[in-house]
Amino acid sequence: MQQLTSLGTALLLLATACSGARAAVRYQAGDSSPPAEPMVRHFDAAPSDATSTFGTVFSGTWEVRAEADAPSPPNALCQTGTATFPAVSLGDAVFGDVVATTRFKPISGREDRAAGLIFRVQDQDNYYILRANALENNVNFYKYAGGSRSTLKEGKSQVVAGQWQELRVEAIGNHLRGFLNDQQVVEVSDDTYQAGQIGLWTKADSVTCFDDVNAQIP
């Protein structure tokens, strides 16, 4: 009995430690330095290794490739590898309040079939995620802090595999709202990150393509 109690205590402490991962905050609200015009990425004039010219790959396999049905032809940015959380930042611009959108197409994935916008990115281990999942039919907010993901809020919505859809996040102060195809699905408030970069995200074995990324001050 004592051994079981000790094991239970150890597991509780481990769970507490994992869920309480500390966020590393690099940017404050006053550090916002967005471009004069909206930040737009169409990926149409870029070679296959173009992520090195407009952003930083945190994990995963990202490539610009031709997609016959790309919203802005001929190319899209696609994540085709397998990692825990494939992610890429899309440049050095720092936004505080921001409206960011992307078109996305979840193509395949047995473990997951996800597409995400990451925003208020501090570094590869600290940011917010708005994620749409075609296997679970939901659109959720997550916080990635110290390399550990935690759920902020879940929202149910049909996410169709093999079709282009639009994901949008509106971050005003600590108020975050998530939209799928212009319909609000989820909202939450959180004070952890005040400003940061913009990027894209998937999960596990998701093969997902992105196009028409737009980020601007609301």
N, C-alpha and C. Protein backbone atom coordinates (compact mmCIF):
# COMPACT_ATOMS: atom_id res chain seq x y z
N MET A 1 0.83 -1.21 0.00
CA MET A 1 0.00 0.00 0.00
C MET A 1 0.87 1.26 0.00
N GLN A 2 1.93 1.23 0.83
CA GLN A 2 2.81 2.39 0.90
C GLN A 2 3.49 2.64 -0.45
N GLN A 3 3.89 1.52 -1.13
CA GLN A 3 4.52 1.67 -2.43
C GLN A 3 3.56 2.27 -3.45
N LEU A 4 2.29 1.84 -3.40
CA LEU A 4 1.29 2.40 -4.31
C LEU A 4 1.07 3.87 -4.04
N THR A 5 1.02 4.23 -2.75
CA THR A 5 0.84 5.65 -2.39
C THR A 5 2.02 6.48 -2.89
N SER A 6 3.23 5.95 -2.73
CA SER A 6 4.41 6.67 -3.18
C SER A 6 4.40 6.83 -4.70
N LEU A 7 4.00 5.77 -5.41
CA LEU A 7 3.92 5.84 -6.86
C LEU A 7 2.89 6.87 -7.31
N GLY A 8 1.73 6.88 -6.64
CA GLY A 8 0.70 7.85 -6.98
C GLY A 8 1.17 9.27 -6.75
N THR A 9 1.89 9.50 -5.66
CA THR A 9 2.42 10.83 -5.37
C THR A 9 3.42 11.26 -6.43
N ALA A 10 4.29 10.31 -6.82
CA ALA A 10 5.30 10.62 -7.84
C ALA A 10 4.64 10.98 -9.17
N LEU A 11 3.60 10.23 -9.56
CA LEU A 11 2.91 10.51 -10.82
C LEU A 11 2.22 11.86 -10.76
N LEU A 12 1.64 12.21 -9.62
CA LEU A 12 0.98 13.50 -9.47
C LEU A 12 1.99 14.63 -9.59
N LEU A 13 3.15 14.47 -8.97
CA LEU A 13 4.18 15.50 -9.06
C LEU A 13 4.67 15.66 -10.49
N LEU A 14 4.82 14.51 -11.19
CA LEU A 14 5.25 14.57 -12.58
C LEU A 14 4.23 15.28 -13.45
N ALA A 15 2.96 14.96 -13.27
CA ALA A 15 1.90 15.60 -14.05
C ALA A 15 1.85 17.10 -13.77
N THR A 16 2.03 17.46 -12.51
CA THR A 16 2.02 18.88 -12.14
C THR A 16 3.18 19.61 -12.79
N ALA A 17 4.35 18.96 -12.78
CA ALA A 17 5.52 19.59 -13.38
C ALA A 17 5.34 19.79 -14.87
N CYS A 18 4.77 18.77 -15.55
CA CYS A 18 4.58 18.87 -17.00
C CYS A 18 3.56 19.94 -17.36
N SER A 19 2.45 19.99 -16.61
CA SER A 19 1.40 20.95 -16.93
C SER A 19 1.81 22.37 -16.55
N GLY A 20 2.79 22.51 -15.68
CA GLY A 20 3.20 23.83 -15.22
C GLY A 20 4.47 24.31 -15.87
N ALA A 21 4.78 23.84 -17.10
CA ALA A 21 5.98 24.28 -17.80
C ALA A 21 5.99 25.80 -17.90
N ARG A 22 7.13 26.38 -17.62
CA ARG A 22 7.23 27.84 -17.57
C ARG A 22 7.43 28.41 -18.97
N ALA A 23 6.68 29.46 -19.27
CA ALA A 23 6.83 30.14 -20.54
C ALA A 23 8.04 31.06 -20.50
N ALA A 24 8.79 31.08 -21.58
CA ALA A 24 9.89 32.02 -21.73
C ALA A 24 9.38 33.17 -22.59
N VAL A 25 9.26 34.35 -22.00
CA VAL A 25 8.68 35.50 -22.69
C VAL A 25 9.79 36.41 -23.19
N ARG A 26 9.85 36.58 -24.49
CA ARG A 26 10.87 37.42 -25.13
C ARG A 26 10.33 38.80 -25.49
N TYR A 27 9.04 38.85 -25.91
CA TYR A 27 8.47 40.09 -26.42
C TYR A 27 7.38 40.60 -25.48
N GLN A 28 7.35 41.93 -25.29
CA GLN A 28 6.28 42.60 -24.58
C GLN A 28 5.43 43.37 -25.60
N ALA A 29 4.28 43.86 -25.15
CA ALA A 29 3.38 44.54 -26.08
C ALA A 29 4.07 45.70 -26.79
N GLY A 30 4.95 46.40 -26.09
CA GLY A 30 5.64 47.55 -26.68
C GLY A 30 6.71 47.18 -27.68
N ASP A 31 7.00 45.89 -27.81
CA ASP A 31 8.02 45.44 -28.76
C ASP A 31 7.46 45.19 -30.15
N SER A 32 6.18 45.43 -30.34
CA SER A 32 5.56 45.19 -31.63
C SER A 32 6.25 45.99 -32.74
N SER A 33 6.61 45.32 -33.83
CA SER A 33 7.26 45.98 -34.96
C SER A 33 6.75 45.40 -36.27
N PRO A 34 5.44 45.51 -36.51
CA PRO A 34 4.87 44.94 -37.73
C PRO A 34 5.29 45.74 -38.95
N PRO A 35 5.24 45.13 -40.13
CA PRO A 35 5.56 45.87 -41.36
C PRO A 35 4.51 46.94 -41.63
N ALA A 36 4.88 47.93 -42.44
CA ALA A 36 3.95 49.01 -42.76
C ALA A 36 2.73 48.50 -43.50
N GLU A 37 2.92 47.49 -44.35
CA GLU A 37 1.84 46.85 -45.07
C GLU A 37 1.59 45.46 -44.45
N PRO A 38 0.41 44.88 -44.68
CA PRO A 38 0.17 43.52 -44.17
C PRO A 38 1.26 42.55 -44.61
N MET A 39 1.61 41.63 -43.74
CA MET A 39 2.56 40.57 -44.08
C MET A 39 1.81 39.51 -44.87
N VAL A 40 2.21 39.26 -46.11
CA VAL A 40 1.51 38.34 -47.00
C VAL A 40 2.51 37.32 -47.53
N ARG A 41 2.11 36.05 -47.51
CA ARG A 41 2.94 34.98 -48.05
C ARG A 41 2.07 34.12 -48.99
N HIS A 42 2.43 34.12 -50.29
CA HIS A 42 1.74 33.28 -51.27
C HIS A 42 2.57 32.09 -51.72
N PHE A 43 3.89 32.13 -51.51
CA PHE A 43 4.79 31.01 -51.82
C PHE A 43 4.89 30.69 -53.30
N ASP A 44 4.53 31.64 -54.16
CA ASP A 44 4.44 31.32 -55.58
C ASP A 44 5.74 31.51 -56.35
N ALA A 45 6.62 32.36 -55.88
CA ALA A 45 7.87 32.59 -56.60
C ALA A 45 9.05 31.94 -55.88
N ALA A 46 8.74 31.03 -54.96
CA ALA A 46 9.78 30.51 -54.08
C ALA A 46 10.24 29.13 -54.51
N PRO A 47 11.54 28.84 -54.38
CA PRO A 47 12.03 27.49 -54.63
C PRO A 47 11.64 26.55 -53.50
N SER A 48 11.95 25.26 -53.65
CA SER A 48 11.49 24.26 -52.69
C SER A 48 12.07 24.45 -51.30
N ASP A 49 13.25 25.08 -51.18
CA ASP A 49 13.85 25.29 -49.87
C ASP A 49 13.66 26.72 -49.38
N ALA A 50 12.57 27.35 -49.84
CA ALA A 50 12.40 28.78 -49.63
C ALA A 50 12.15 29.16 -48.18
N THR A 51 11.85 28.20 -47.30
CA THR A 51 11.63 28.58 -45.90
C THR A 51 12.83 29.33 -45.35
N SER A 52 14.03 29.03 -45.86
CA SER A 52 15.22 29.72 -45.36
C SER A 52 15.22 31.19 -45.73
N THR A 53 14.42 31.59 -46.73
CA THR A 53 14.41 32.98 -47.16
C THR A 53 13.33 33.81 -46.47
N PHE A 54 12.34 33.17 -45.86
CA PHE A 54 11.29 33.97 -45.24
C PHE A 54 10.96 33.56 -43.82
N GLY A 55 11.67 32.62 -43.24
CA GLY A 55 11.35 32.21 -41.89
C GLY A 55 12.34 31.21 -41.34
N THR A 56 11.97 30.62 -40.21
CA THR A 56 12.84 29.67 -39.52
C THR A 56 12.05 28.39 -39.26
N VAL A 57 12.58 27.28 -39.71
CA VAL A 57 11.94 25.98 -39.46
C VAL A 57 12.30 25.54 -38.05
N PHE A 58 11.29 25.34 -37.21
CA PHE A 58 11.50 24.83 -35.86
C PHE A 58 11.58 23.31 -35.86
N SER A 59 10.70 22.66 -36.63
CA SER A 59 10.70 21.20 -36.73
C SER A 59 9.83 20.80 -37.90
N GLY A 60 9.98 19.55 -38.34
CA GLY A 60 9.20 19.06 -39.46
C GLY A 60 9.93 19.24 -40.79
N THR A 61 9.25 18.86 -41.87
CA THR A 61 9.79 18.96 -43.23
C THR A 61 8.87 19.86 -44.04
N TRP A 62 9.33 21.07 -44.32
CA TRP A 62 8.51 22.08 -45.00
C TRP A 62 9.09 22.32 -46.39
N GLU A 63 8.23 22.32 -47.39
CA GLU A 63 8.69 22.56 -48.76
C GLU A 63 7.63 23.32 -49.54
N VAL A 64 8.11 24.20 -50.39
CA VAL A 64 7.23 24.87 -51.34
C VAL A 64 7.13 23.98 -52.57
N ARG A 65 5.89 23.63 -52.95
CA ARG A 65 5.72 22.74 -54.09
C ARG A 65 4.47 23.12 -54.86
N ALA A 66 4.40 22.67 -56.10
CA ALA A 66 3.23 22.93 -56.93
C ALA A 66 2.03 22.15 -56.41
N GLU A 67 0.90 22.83 -56.30
CA GLU A 67 -0.38 22.21 -55.93
C GLU A 67 -1.41 22.66 -56.97
N ALA A 68 -1.98 21.72 -57.67
CA ALA A 68 -2.86 22.05 -58.80
C ALA A 68 -4.03 22.93 -58.39
N ASP A 69 -4.51 22.75 -57.16
CA ASP A 69 -5.67 23.52 -56.72
C ASP A 69 -5.32 24.59 -55.71
N ALA A 70 -4.06 25.03 -55.67
CA ALA A 70 -3.65 26.05 -54.71
C ALA A 70 -4.51 27.31 -54.87
N PRO A 71 -4.94 27.92 -53.77
CA PRO A 71 -5.77 29.12 -53.86
C PRO A 71 -5.12 30.24 -54.67
N SER A 72 -3.81 30.41 -54.52
CA SER A 72 -3.07 31.34 -55.38
C SER A 72 -2.00 30.53 -56.10
N PRO A 73 -2.32 30.00 -57.28
CA PRO A 73 -1.42 29.08 -57.97
C PRO A 73 -0.12 29.78 -58.38
N PRO A 74 0.95 28.97 -58.56
CA PRO A 74 0.90 27.50 -58.65
C PRO A 74 1.32 26.76 -57.38
N ASN A 75 1.91 27.48 -56.39
CA ASN A 75 2.56 26.78 -55.28
C ASN A 75 1.84 26.94 -53.95
N ALA A 76 2.20 26.05 -53.04
CA ALA A 76 1.77 26.15 -51.64
C ALA A 76 2.94 25.69 -50.77
N LEU A 77 2.89 26.02 -49.49
CA LEU A 77 3.89 25.54 -48.54
C LEU A 77 3.31 24.33 -47.83
N CYS A 78 3.99 23.19 -47.93
CA CYS A 78 3.45 21.93 -47.41
C CYS A 78 4.40 21.33 -46.39
N GLN A 79 3.81 20.77 -45.34
CA GLN A 79 4.56 20.04 -44.33
C GLN A 79 4.33 18.56 -44.60
N THR A 80 5.43 17.82 -44.87
CA THR A 80 5.32 16.45 -45.33
C THR A 80 6.03 15.45 -44.43
N GLY A 81 6.68 15.91 -43.38
CA GLY A 81 7.42 15.01 -42.51
C GLY A 81 6.63 14.60 -41.28
N THR A 82 7.33 13.95 -40.35
CA THR A 82 6.73 13.53 -39.09
C THR A 82 7.58 14.06 -37.94
N ALA A 83 6.94 14.76 -37.03
CA ALA A 83 7.61 15.27 -35.83
C ALA A 83 6.52 15.44 -34.78
N THR A 84 6.91 15.74 -33.56
CA THR A 84 5.90 15.94 -32.52
C THR A 84 4.99 17.09 -32.89
N PHE A 85 5.58 18.27 -33.12
CA PHE A 85 4.82 19.44 -33.53
C PHE A 85 5.61 20.18 -34.61
N PRO A 86 5.48 19.81 -35.88
CA PRO A 86 6.16 20.56 -36.93
C PRO A 86 5.72 22.03 -36.92
N ALA A 87 6.68 22.93 -37.02
CA ALA A 87 6.35 24.35 -36.95
C ALA A 87 7.39 25.17 -37.69
N VAL A 88 6.96 26.30 -38.22
CA VAL A 88 7.86 27.22 -38.91
C VAL A 88 7.39 28.64 -38.62
N SER A 89 8.34 29.53 -38.34
CA SER A 89 8.01 30.95 -38.24
C SER A 89 8.15 31.57 -39.62
N LEU A 90 7.39 32.65 -39.86
CA LEU A 90 7.37 33.25 -41.20
C LEU A 90 7.94 34.66 -41.18
N GLY A 91 9.12 34.81 -40.61
CA GLY A 91 9.78 36.10 -40.64
C GLY A 91 9.93 36.72 -39.28
N ASP A 92 10.61 37.87 -39.26
CA ASP A 92 10.98 38.52 -38.01
C ASP A 92 9.97 39.55 -37.52
N ALA A 93 8.93 39.84 -38.31
CA ALA A 93 7.95 40.85 -37.90
C ALA A 93 7.28 40.44 -36.59
N VAL A 94 7.18 41.39 -35.67
CA VAL A 94 6.59 41.14 -34.35
C VAL A 94 5.26 41.90 -34.26
N PHE A 95 4.19 41.16 -33.99
CA PHE A 95 2.86 41.74 -33.86
C PHE A 95 2.41 41.63 -32.41
N GLY A 96 1.73 42.68 -31.92
CA GLY A 96 1.02 42.61 -30.66
C GLY A 96 -0.41 42.20 -30.99
N ASP A 97 -1.31 43.19 -31.11
CA ASP A 97 -2.64 42.90 -31.64
C ASP A 97 -2.51 42.52 -33.11
N VAL A 98 -3.18 41.45 -33.51
CA VAL A 98 -3.01 40.97 -34.88
C VAL A 98 -4.24 40.20 -35.33
N VAL A 99 -4.51 40.28 -36.62
CA VAL A 99 -5.45 39.38 -37.30
C VAL A 99 -4.63 38.61 -38.31
N ALA A 100 -4.59 37.29 -38.18
CA ALA A 100 -3.80 36.45 -39.08
C ALA A 100 -4.69 35.38 -39.69
N THR A 101 -4.52 35.16 -40.98
CA THR A 101 -5.32 34.15 -41.68
C THR A 101 -4.40 33.29 -42.54
N THR A 102 -4.86 32.09 -42.82
CA THR A 102 -4.21 31.24 -43.81
C THR A 102 -5.25 30.33 -44.44
N ARG A 103 -5.01 29.98 -45.69
CA ARG A 103 -5.76 28.91 -46.34
C ARG A 103 -4.99 27.63 -46.08
N PHE A 104 -5.69 26.53 -45.83
CA PHE A 104 -5.02 25.28 -45.53
C PHE A 104 -5.80 24.11 -46.11
N LYS A 105 -5.05 23.03 -46.41
CA LYS A 105 -5.67 21.79 -46.89
C LYS A 105 -5.04 20.61 -46.15
N PRO A 106 -5.80 19.95 -45.25
CA PRO A 106 -5.30 18.74 -44.60
C PRO A 106 -5.38 17.58 -45.58
N ILE A 107 -4.25 17.00 -45.91
CA ILE A 107 -4.22 15.99 -46.96
C ILE A 107 -4.29 14.57 -46.40
N SER A 108 -3.42 14.28 -45.44
CA SER A 108 -3.39 12.93 -44.90
C SER A 108 -2.77 12.92 -43.52
N GLY A 109 -2.82 11.76 -42.88
CA GLY A 109 -2.27 11.57 -41.54
C GLY A 109 -3.11 10.56 -40.79
N ARG A 110 -2.48 9.51 -40.30
CA ARG A 110 -3.22 8.50 -39.55
C ARG A 110 -3.32 8.87 -38.08
N GLU A 111 -2.25 9.44 -37.54
CA GLU A 111 -2.28 9.86 -36.13
C GLU A 111 -2.97 11.19 -35.96
N ASP A 112 -2.74 12.10 -36.90
CA ASP A 112 -3.35 13.42 -36.84
C ASP A 112 -3.48 13.98 -38.24
N ARG A 113 -4.38 14.94 -38.41
CA ARG A 113 -4.58 15.59 -39.70
C ARG A 113 -4.88 17.05 -39.40
N ALA A 114 -3.82 17.77 -39.02
CA ALA A 114 -3.99 19.07 -38.38
C ALA A 114 -3.36 20.19 -39.19
N ALA A 115 -3.90 21.39 -38.99
CA ALA A 115 -3.33 22.62 -39.53
C ALA A 115 -3.42 23.69 -38.45
N GLY A 116 -2.36 24.47 -38.31
CA GLY A 116 -2.39 25.47 -37.26
C GLY A 116 -1.71 26.78 -37.65
N LEU A 117 -2.24 27.85 -37.09
CA LEU A 117 -1.56 29.14 -37.08
C LEU A 117 -0.89 29.29 -35.72
N ILE A 118 0.39 29.63 -35.71
CA ILE A 118 1.02 30.00 -34.44
C ILE A 118 1.23 31.51 -34.44
N PHE A 119 1.06 32.12 -33.28
CA PHE A 119 1.13 33.57 -33.19
C PHE A 119 1.67 33.96 -31.83
N ARG A 120 2.13 35.22 -31.76
CA ARG A 120 2.87 35.68 -30.59
C ARG A 120 4.00 34.71 -30.25
N VAL A 121 4.70 34.32 -31.31
CA VAL A 121 5.80 33.36 -31.18
C VAL A 121 7.00 34.04 -30.53
N GLN A 122 7.48 33.47 -29.42
CA GLN A 122 8.68 33.97 -28.75
C GLN A 122 9.92 33.26 -29.31
N ASP A 123 9.83 31.96 -29.44
CA ASP A 123 10.88 31.12 -29.99
C ASP A 123 10.26 29.76 -30.29
N GLN A 124 11.06 28.76 -30.58
CA GLN A 124 10.51 27.47 -31.01
C GLN A 124 9.74 26.73 -29.91
N ASP A 125 9.87 27.16 -28.67
CA ASP A 125 9.22 26.46 -27.56
C ASP A 125 8.12 27.26 -26.88
N ASN A 126 7.80 28.46 -27.38
CA ASN A 126 6.87 29.34 -26.66
C ASN A 126 6.03 30.14 -27.65
N TYR A 127 4.72 29.83 -27.70
CA TYR A 127 3.81 30.53 -28.59
C TYR A 127 2.38 30.06 -28.34
N TYR A 128 1.42 30.74 -28.97
CA TYR A 128 0.03 30.28 -29.01
C TYR A 128 -0.22 29.53 -30.31
N ILE A 129 -1.19 28.61 -30.28
CA ILE A 129 -1.59 27.84 -31.47
C ILE A 129 -3.10 27.93 -31.63
N LEU A 130 -3.56 28.21 -32.84
CA LEU A 130 -4.95 27.97 -33.22
C LEU A 130 -4.91 26.81 -34.19
N ARG A 131 -5.50 25.67 -33.82
CA ARG A 131 -5.38 24.45 -34.60
C ARG A 131 -6.74 23.92 -35.04
N ALA A 132 -6.81 23.55 -36.34
CA ALA A 132 -7.97 22.85 -36.89
C ALA A 132 -7.57 21.41 -37.14
N ASN A 133 -8.47 20.46 -36.83
CA ASN A 133 -8.13 19.04 -36.95
C ASN A 133 -9.24 18.31 -37.71
N ALA A 134 -8.87 17.71 -38.85
CA ALA A 134 -9.86 17.04 -39.70
C ALA A 134 -10.21 15.64 -39.20
N LEU A 135 -9.45 15.07 -38.28
CA LEU A 135 -9.80 13.79 -37.69
C LEU A 135 -10.73 13.95 -36.50
N GLU A 136 -10.56 15.04 -35.76
CA GLU A 136 -11.34 15.27 -34.55
C GLU A 136 -12.50 16.24 -34.76
N ASN A 137 -12.50 16.95 -35.91
CA ASN A 137 -13.51 17.97 -36.18
C ASN A 137 -13.61 18.98 -35.05
N ASN A 138 -12.49 19.64 -34.81
CA ASN A 138 -12.48 20.71 -33.81
C ASN A 138 -11.48 21.79 -34.20
N VAL A 139 -11.64 22.94 -33.57
CA VAL A 139 -10.74 24.08 -33.72
C VAL A 139 -10.41 24.55 -32.31
N ASN A 140 -9.16 24.37 -31.90
CA ASN A 140 -8.78 24.58 -30.51
C ASN A 140 -7.67 25.61 -30.37
N PHE A 141 -7.65 26.28 -29.22
CA PHE A 141 -6.53 27.12 -28.83
C PHE A 141 -5.64 26.35 -27.87
N TYR A 142 -4.33 26.44 -28.10
CA TYR A 142 -3.34 25.85 -27.21
C TYR A 142 -2.29 26.90 -26.85
N LYS A 143 -1.64 26.65 -25.74
CA LYS A 143 -0.45 27.41 -25.37
C LYS A 143 0.73 26.45 -25.34
N TYR A 144 1.78 26.83 -26.04
CA TYR A 144 3.01 26.06 -26.04
C TYR A 144 4.01 26.83 -25.19
N ALA A 145 4.36 26.29 -24.04
CA ALA A 145 5.20 27.01 -23.07
C ALA A 145 6.32 26.10 -22.60
N GLY A 146 7.54 26.54 -22.78
CA GLY A 146 8.68 25.73 -22.38
C GLY A 146 8.73 24.39 -23.06
N GLY A 147 8.21 24.32 -24.30
CA GLY A 147 8.21 23.07 -25.05
C GLY A 147 7.12 22.10 -24.64
N SER A 148 6.12 22.56 -23.89
CA SER A 148 5.01 21.71 -23.45
C SER A 148 3.69 22.34 -23.86
N ARG A 149 2.82 21.56 -24.51
CA ARG A 149 1.54 22.09 -24.99
C ARG A 149 0.43 21.85 -23.97
N SER A 150 -0.40 22.88 -23.78
CA SER A 150 -1.57 22.75 -22.91
C SER A 150 -2.77 23.36 -23.61
N THR A 151 -3.95 22.80 -23.35
CA THR A 151 -5.18 23.28 -23.99
C THR A 151 -5.70 24.52 -23.29
N LEU A 152 -6.02 25.55 -24.08
CA LEU A 152 -6.67 26.74 -23.54
C LEU A 152 -8.18 26.66 -23.69
N LYS A 153 -8.66 26.27 -24.89
CA LYS A 153 -10.10 26.19 -25.13
C LYS A 153 -10.34 25.33 -26.36
N GLU A 154 -11.40 24.53 -26.32
CA GLU A 154 -11.77 23.67 -27.43
C GLU A 154 -13.06 24.14 -28.07
N GLY A 155 -13.16 23.97 -29.39
CA GLY A 155 -14.38 24.31 -30.11
C GLY A 155 -14.66 23.27 -31.18
N LYS A 156 -15.90 22.86 -31.32
CA LYS A 156 -16.28 21.83 -32.30
C LYS A 156 -16.68 22.47 -33.63
N SER A 157 -16.14 21.93 -34.71
CA SER A 157 -16.51 22.39 -36.04
C SER A 157 -16.03 21.37 -37.07
N GLN A 158 -16.76 21.20 -38.14
CA GLN A 158 -16.37 20.23 -39.17
C GLN A 158 -15.18 20.78 -39.95
N VAL A 159 -14.11 20.01 -39.98
CA VAL A 159 -12.91 20.34 -40.74
C VAL A 159 -12.76 19.25 -41.80
N VAL A 160 -12.81 19.61 -43.07
CA VAL A 160 -12.89 18.63 -44.16
C VAL A 160 -11.50 18.34 -44.71
N ALA A 161 -11.13 17.07 -44.73
CA ALA A 161 -9.86 16.67 -45.33
C ALA A 161 -9.92 16.80 -46.84
N GLY A 162 -8.79 17.17 -47.45
CA GLY A 162 -8.70 17.23 -48.90
C GLY A 162 -9.30 18.46 -49.52
N GLN A 163 -9.72 19.43 -48.72
CA GLN A 163 -10.30 20.66 -49.24
C GLN A 163 -9.60 21.87 -48.63
N TRP A 164 -9.51 22.93 -49.42
CA TRP A 164 -8.96 24.18 -48.92
C TRP A 164 -10.00 24.88 -48.05
N GLN A 165 -9.58 25.33 -46.89
CA GLN A 165 -10.41 26.06 -45.95
C GLN A 165 -9.62 27.24 -45.40
N GLU A 166 -10.27 28.11 -44.66
CA GLU A 166 -9.58 29.28 -44.11
C GLU A 166 -9.61 29.25 -42.58
N LEU A 167 -8.46 29.46 -41.99
CA LEU A 167 -8.31 29.56 -40.54
C LEU A 167 -7.90 30.98 -40.20
N ARG A 168 -8.56 31.58 -39.21
CA ARG A 168 -8.24 32.96 -38.84
C ARG A 168 -8.20 33.11 -37.33
N VAL A 169 -7.21 33.84 -36.86
CA VAL A 169 -7.11 34.18 -35.45
C VAL A 169 -7.13 35.69 -35.30
N GLU A 170 -7.86 36.16 -34.31
CA GLU A 170 -7.86 37.57 -33.92
C GLU A 170 -7.37 37.64 -32.49
N ALA A 171 -6.23 38.29 -32.29
CA ALA A 171 -5.65 38.44 -30.96
C ALA A 171 -5.61 39.92 -30.62
N ILE A 172 -6.49 40.34 -29.70
CA ILE A 172 -6.58 41.73 -29.28
C ILE A 172 -6.35 41.77 -27.77
N GLY A 173 -5.23 42.35 -27.35
CA GLY A 173 -4.90 42.28 -25.93
C GLY A 173 -4.77 40.83 -25.50
N ASN A 174 -5.49 40.46 -24.45
CA ASN A 174 -5.44 39.06 -23.99
C ASN A 174 -6.61 38.22 -24.51
N HIS A 175 -7.40 38.80 -25.40
CA HIS A 175 -8.59 38.14 -25.92
C HIS A 175 -8.28 37.50 -27.27
N LEU A 176 -8.47 36.19 -27.38
CA LEU A 176 -8.15 35.43 -28.58
C LEU A 176 -9.41 34.81 -29.15
N ARG A 177 -9.64 35.01 -30.45
CA ARG A 177 -10.80 34.42 -31.12
C ARG A 177 -10.34 33.63 -32.33
N GLY A 178 -10.93 32.44 -32.53
CA GLY A 178 -10.58 31.59 -33.64
C GLY A 178 -11.75 31.36 -34.57
N PHE A 179 -11.51 31.42 -35.88
CA PHE A 179 -12.54 31.30 -36.90
C PHE A 179 -12.16 30.23 -37.91
N LEU A 180 -13.14 29.50 -38.39
CA LEU A 180 -12.99 28.58 -39.51
C LEU A 180 -13.99 28.99 -40.58
N ASN A 181 -13.46 29.32 -41.75
CA ASN A 181 -14.31 29.74 -42.88
C ASN A 181 -15.27 30.86 -42.47
N ASP A 182 -14.70 31.86 -41.78
CA ASP A 182 -15.41 33.08 -41.36
C ASP A 182 -16.43 32.86 -40.25
N GLN A 183 -16.50 31.67 -39.68
CA GLN A 183 -17.41 31.40 -38.57
C GLN A 183 -16.61 31.26 -37.29
N GLN A 184 -16.94 32.09 -36.28
CA GLN A 184 -16.22 31.96 -35.02
C GLN A 184 -16.54 30.63 -34.36
N VAL A 185 -15.47 29.94 -33.94
CA VAL A 185 -15.63 28.62 -33.34
C VAL A 185 -15.21 28.62 -31.88
N VAL A 186 -14.20 29.42 -31.53
CA VAL A 186 -13.62 29.32 -30.19
C VAL A 186 -13.06 30.67 -29.77
N GLU A 187 -13.13 30.97 -28.48
CA GLU A 187 -12.50 32.17 -27.95
C GLU A 187 -12.07 31.93 -26.51
N VAL A 188 -11.04 32.66 -26.11
CA VAL A 188 -10.48 32.48 -24.78
C VAL A 188 -9.64 33.71 -24.45
N SER A 189 -9.36 33.90 -23.18
CA SER A 189 -8.47 34.97 -22.74
C SER A 189 -7.25 34.36 -22.05
N ASP A 190 -6.08 34.91 -22.34
CA ASP A 190 -4.85 34.44 -21.71
C ASP A 190 -3.82 35.57 -21.75
N ASP A 191 -3.05 35.71 -20.68
CA ASP A 191 -2.13 36.84 -20.53
C ASP A 191 -0.66 36.47 -20.74
N THR A 192 -0.37 35.25 -21.14
CA THR A 192 1.03 34.81 -21.14
C THR A 192 1.88 35.58 -22.14
N TYR A 193 1.44 35.65 -23.39
CA TYR A 193 2.23 36.29 -24.44
C TYR A 193 1.52 37.54 -24.94
N GLN A 194 2.26 38.64 -25.03
CA GLN A 194 1.69 39.93 -25.44
C GLN A 194 2.00 40.29 -26.89
N ALA A 195 3.06 39.73 -27.43
CA ALA A 195 3.48 40.05 -28.80
C ALA A 195 4.41 38.94 -29.28
N GLY A 196 4.60 38.87 -30.60
CA GLY A 196 5.50 37.86 -31.13
C GLY A 196 5.33 37.69 -32.63
N GLN A 197 6.03 36.73 -33.19
CA GLN A 197 6.02 36.46 -34.62
C GLN A 197 4.83 35.59 -35.00
N ILE A 198 4.68 35.39 -36.32
CA ILE A 198 3.61 34.59 -36.90
C ILE A 198 4.22 33.36 -37.58
N GLY A 199 3.50 32.23 -37.54
CA GLY A 199 4.00 31.05 -38.23
C GLY A 199 2.92 30.02 -38.47
N LEU A 200 3.34 28.84 -38.90
CA LEU A 200 2.44 27.74 -39.23
C LEU A 200 2.84 26.49 -38.46
N TRP A 201 1.91 25.55 -38.34
CA TRP A 201 2.09 24.42 -37.41
C TRP A 201 1.26 23.23 -37.88
N THR A 202 1.78 22.03 -37.63
CA THR A 202 0.97 20.82 -37.78
C THR A 202 1.30 19.90 -36.60
N LYS A 203 0.84 18.68 -36.67
CA LYS A 203 1.12 17.73 -35.59
C LYS A 203 1.40 16.34 -36.15
N ALA A 204 2.41 15.68 -35.55
CA ALA A 204 2.68 14.26 -35.80
C ALA A 204 2.89 13.99 -37.30
N ASP A 205 2.06 13.11 -37.89
CA ASP A 205 2.25 12.70 -39.28
C ASP A 205 1.35 13.46 -40.24
N SER A 206 0.82 14.59 -39.82
CA SER A 206 -0.06 15.38 -40.70
C SER A 206 0.70 15.84 -41.94
N VAL A 207 0.13 15.57 -43.11
CA VAL A 207 0.59 16.19 -44.35
C VAL A 207 -0.42 17.27 -44.68
N THR A 208 0.02 18.50 -44.61
CA THR A 208 -0.88 19.66 -44.72
C THR A 208 -0.23 20.72 -45.58
N CYS A 209 -1.01 21.36 -46.45
CA CYS A 209 -0.51 22.46 -47.27
C CYS A 209 -1.16 23.77 -46.84
N PHE A 210 -0.40 24.84 -47.00
CA PHE A 210 -0.85 26.18 -46.61
C PHE A 210 -0.61 27.15 -47.78
N ASP A 211 -1.47 28.16 -47.84
CA ASP A 211 -1.32 29.21 -48.85
C ASP A 211 -1.94 30.49 -48.30
N ASP A 212 -1.60 31.59 -48.94
CA ASP A 212 -2.24 32.90 -48.66
C ASP A 212 -2.24 33.24 -47.17
N VAL A 213 -1.06 33.26 -46.58
CA VAL A 213 -0.94 33.71 -45.19
C VAL A 213 -0.95 35.22 -45.17
N ASN A 214 -1.75 35.79 -44.27
CA ASN A 214 -1.86 37.24 -44.16
C ASN A 214 -1.89 37.61 -42.69
N ALA A 215 -1.06 38.55 -42.29
CA ALA A 215 -1.07 39.04 -40.90
C ALA A 215 -1.01 40.56 -40.92
N GLN A 216 -1.89 41.19 -40.12
CA GLN A 216 -1.93 42.65 -40.10
C GLN A 216 -2.48 43.14 -38.78
N ILE A 217 -2.23 44.41 -38.51
CA ILE A 217 -2.77 45.05 -37.31
C ILE A 217 -4.27 45.25 -37.52
N PRO A 218 -5.11 44.90 -36.55
CA PRO A 218 -6.57 45.06 -36.72
C PRO A 218 -6.98 46.53 -36.71
